[in-house]
Amino acid sequence: MSTPNPLAIAAQFDALPDPRISRKTEHKLLDIIMIAISAVICHADDWVSIAEFGRAGQH
């Protein structure tokens, strides 16, 4: 088994608690964070743009 890379973006958010009600969640918190980071890197500058970016990635 390999040791997780502490420099990986996802590793930085592993300990982040999810304050949402679990039965009402459709997506993992880490997935949402990664989509938001990726969207901002691709010049999304508001939540609407981030949501559009996330929807565009679904196939």
Protein backbone atom coordinates (compact mmCIF):
# COMPACT_ATOMS: atom_id res chain seq x y z
CA MET A 1 0.00 0.00 0.00
CA SER A 2 1.41 3.41 -0.95
CA THR A 3 1.68 6.40 1.35
CA PRO A 4 -0.59 9.32 0.35
CA ASN A 5 1.23 12.35 -1.04
CA PRO A 6 0.81 15.14 1.56
CA LEU A 7 1.29 17.70 -1.20
CA ALA A 8 -1.68 16.45 -3.21
CA ILE A 9 -4.57 18.91 -3.21
CA ALA A 10 -7.06 16.31 -2.01
CA ALA A 11 -4.81 15.41 0.94
CA GLN A 12 -5.05 18.99 2.17
CA PHE A 13 -8.82 18.65 2.60
CA ASP A 14 -9.00 15.11 4.07
CA ALA A 15 -9.54 16.33 7.63
CA LEU A 16 -12.10 18.97 6.65
CA PRO A 17 -15.41 18.15 8.38
CA ASP A 18 -18.52 18.06 6.21
CA PRO A 19 -21.21 20.16 7.95
CA ARG A 20 -23.97 19.00 5.59
CA ILE A 21 -26.74 16.56 6.50
CA SER A 22 -25.52 13.28 5.02
CA ARG A 23 -28.89 12.08 3.77
CA LYS A 24 -29.33 15.28 1.75
CA THR A 25 -25.98 15.20 -0.02
CA GLU A 26 -25.74 14.23 -3.65
CA HIS A 27 -21.98 14.74 -4.07
CA LYS A 28 -18.92 14.18 -1.90
CA LEU A 29 -17.53 17.34 -0.32
CA LEU A 30 -14.08 16.65 -1.76
CA ASP A 31 -15.58 16.41 -5.27
CA ILE A 32 -17.24 19.82 -4.83
CA ILE A 33 -14.01 21.37 -3.57
CA MET A 34 -12.00 19.94 -6.46
CA ILE A 35 -14.55 21.16 -9.02
CA ALA A 36 -14.50 24.63 -7.47
CA ILE A 37 -10.69 24.79 -7.48
CA SER A 38 -10.53 23.54 -11.06
CA ALA A 39 -13.16 26.03 -12.19
CA VAL A 40 -11.34 28.96 -10.59
CA ILE A 41 -8.09 27.87 -12.23
CA CYS A 42 -10.04 27.96 -15.53
CA HIS A 43 -11.13 31.56 -14.79
CA ALA A 44 -14.56 30.99 -13.23
CA ASP A 45 -15.16 34.05 -11.08
CA ASP A 46 -18.51 33.40 -9.39
CA TRP A 47 -20.62 30.50 -8.11
CA VAL A 48 -22.77 30.43 -11.26
CA SER A 49 -19.66 29.97 -13.40
CA ILE A 50 -18.37 27.28 -11.05
CA ALA A 51 -21.71 25.43 -11.26
CA GLU A 52 -21.68 25.66 -15.06
CA PHE A 53 -18.13 24.33 -15.10
CA GLY A 54 -19.17 21.40 -12.90
CA ARG A 55 -22.21 20.59 -15.04
CA ALA A 56 -20.14 20.75 -18.23
CA GLY A 57 -17.89 18.01 -16.84
CA GLN A 58 -20.77 15.54 -16.50
CA HIS A 59 -21.21 13.07 -19.35
